[in-house]
Amino acid sequence: MSDFLSTLLAKTLAMLVEALVAQIATLAVRFVRDRWFPVSGPVAA
C-alpha cells in the first residue's frame, strides 16, 4: 500500500511542478515579449 501512496504522491508532485513550470514559462514569455517586442493595436490582445 505504501508503494501505491508514494507513486500517487510522486505523480501529484510531478503534475504540480509541471503546471508551475508552464505557468512561469508563460509569464516569462509574456514579459519578454512586452519588454523587447512591444506590439501595438489589437495584436497585443
N, C-alpha and C. Protein backbone atom coordinates (compact mmCIF):
# COMPACT_ATOMS: atom_id res chain seq x y z
N MET A 1 0.83 -1.20 0.00
CA MET A 1 0.00 0.00 0.00
C MET A 1 0.87 1.26 0.00
N SER A 2 1.99 1.20 0.67
CA SER A 2 2.86 2.38 0.72
C SER A 2 3.43 2.68 -0.66
N ASP A 3 3.65 1.63 -1.46
CA ASP A 3 4.13 1.83 -2.83
C ASP A 3 3.11 2.63 -3.63
N PHE A 4 1.84 2.27 -3.47
CA PHE A 4 0.77 2.96 -4.17
C PHE A 4 0.73 4.43 -3.75
N LEU A 5 0.83 4.66 -2.45
CA LEU A 5 0.77 6.03 -1.94
C LEU A 5 1.96 6.85 -2.43
N SER A 6 3.14 6.27 -2.40
CA SER A 6 4.32 7.01 -2.85
C SER A 6 4.25 7.30 -4.34
N THR A 7 3.71 6.34 -5.11
CA THR A 7 3.55 6.57 -6.55
C THR A 7 2.55 7.70 -6.79
N LEU A 8 1.45 7.67 -6.04
CA LEU A 8 0.43 8.71 -6.17
C LEU A 8 1.02 10.07 -5.81
N LEU A 9 1.79 10.10 -4.73
CA LEU A 9 2.41 11.35 -4.30
C LEU A 9 3.39 11.86 -5.35
N ALA A 10 4.18 10.95 -5.90
CA ALA A 10 5.15 11.34 -6.92
C ALA A 10 4.45 11.90 -8.15
N LYS A 11 3.37 11.25 -8.56
CA LYS A 11 2.64 11.73 -9.74
C LYS A 11 2.02 13.10 -9.48
N THR A 12 1.47 13.27 -8.28
CA THR A 12 0.86 14.56 -7.92
C THR A 12 1.91 15.66 -7.91
N LEU A 13 3.06 15.36 -7.31
CA LEU A 13 4.14 16.34 -7.27
C LEU A 13 4.62 16.68 -8.67
N ALA A 14 4.74 15.67 -9.52
CA ALA A 14 5.18 15.90 -10.89
C ALA A 14 4.20 16.80 -11.63
N MET A 15 2.90 16.55 -11.43
CA MET A 15 1.88 17.37 -12.08
C MET A 15 1.96 18.82 -11.60
N LEU A 16 2.13 18.99 -10.29
CA LEU A 16 2.22 20.33 -9.73
C LEU A 16 3.43 21.08 -10.27
N VAL A 17 4.57 20.40 -10.28
CA VAL A 17 5.79 21.03 -10.79
C VAL A 17 5.64 21.39 -12.26
N GLU A 18 5.03 20.47 -13.01
CA GLU A 18 4.84 20.72 -14.44
C GLU A 18 3.96 21.94 -14.66
N ALA A 19 2.86 22.04 -13.90
CA ALA A 19 1.96 23.18 -14.02
C ALA A 19 2.67 24.47 -13.63
N LEU A 20 3.47 24.40 -12.57
CA LEU A 20 4.20 25.57 -12.12
C LEU A 20 5.19 26.05 -13.17
N VAL A 21 5.93 25.11 -13.75
CA VAL A 21 6.91 25.44 -14.78
C VAL A 21 6.21 26.05 -15.99
N ALA A 22 5.08 25.48 -16.37
CA ALA A 22 4.33 26.01 -17.52
C ALA A 22 3.87 27.44 -17.24
N GLN A 23 3.39 27.66 -16.01
CA GLN A 23 2.91 28.99 -15.64
C GLN A 23 4.05 30.01 -15.68
N ILE A 24 5.18 29.63 -15.11
CA ILE A 24 6.34 30.53 -15.09
C ILE A 24 6.84 30.81 -16.50
N ALA A 25 6.85 29.77 -17.34
CA ALA A 25 7.31 29.94 -18.71
C ALA A 25 6.39 30.90 -19.47
N THR A 26 5.08 30.73 -19.26
CA THR A 26 4.11 31.61 -19.92
C THR A 26 4.32 33.06 -19.49
N LEU A 27 4.48 33.26 -18.19
CA LEU A 27 4.69 34.61 -17.68
C LEU A 27 5.99 35.20 -18.21
N ALA A 28 7.04 34.39 -18.25
CA ALA A 28 8.33 34.87 -18.73
C ALA A 28 8.25 35.26 -20.20
N VAL A 29 7.61 34.42 -21.00
CA VAL A 29 7.47 34.71 -22.43
C VAL A 29 6.68 36.00 -22.63
N ARG A 30 5.60 36.15 -21.86
CA ARG A 30 4.78 37.35 -21.99
C ARG A 30 5.57 38.59 -21.59
N PHE A 31 6.35 38.46 -20.50
CA PHE A 31 7.15 39.58 -20.01
C PHE A 31 8.20 39.99 -21.04
N VAL A 32 8.91 39.00 -21.57
CA VAL A 32 9.95 39.28 -22.57
C VAL A 32 9.34 39.90 -23.82
N ARG A 33 8.19 39.37 -24.23
CA ARG A 33 7.55 39.88 -25.44
C ARG A 33 7.13 41.33 -25.25
N ASP A 34 6.58 41.64 -24.07
CA ASP A 34 6.15 43.01 -23.82
C ASP A 34 7.35 43.94 -23.67
N ARG A 35 8.44 43.41 -23.15
CA ARG A 35 9.61 44.24 -22.87
C ARG A 35 10.36 44.59 -24.15
N TRP A 36 10.63 43.57 -24.97
CA TRP A 36 11.51 43.80 -26.12
C TRP A 36 10.76 43.90 -27.44
N PHE A 37 9.55 43.34 -27.50
CA PHE A 37 8.79 43.41 -28.74
C PHE A 37 7.41 43.99 -28.47
N PRO A 38 7.35 45.29 -28.18
CA PRO A 38 6.04 45.91 -27.91
C PRO A 38 5.17 45.89 -29.17
N VAL A 39 3.96 45.37 -29.00
CA VAL A 39 3.05 45.32 -30.15
C VAL A 39 1.96 46.35 -29.93
N SER A 40 1.58 47.02 -31.00
CA SER A 40 0.52 48.00 -30.89
C SER A 40 -0.70 47.50 -31.64
N GLY A 41 -1.87 47.92 -31.17
CA GLY A 41 -3.09 47.52 -31.87
C GLY A 41 -3.71 46.26 -31.26
N PRO A 42 -4.63 45.67 -31.99
CA PRO A 42 -5.39 44.51 -31.47
C PRO A 42 -4.54 43.25 -31.36
N VAL A 43 -3.33 43.27 -31.91
CA VAL A 43 -2.48 42.08 -31.87
C VAL A 43 -2.01 41.82 -30.44
N ALA A 44 -1.93 42.89 -29.62
CA ALA A 44 -1.44 42.75 -28.26
C ALA A 44 -2.35 41.84 -27.44
N ALA A 45 -3.64 41.86 -27.76
CA ALA A 45 -4.60 41.03 -27.01
C ALA A 45 -4.60 39.64 -27.60
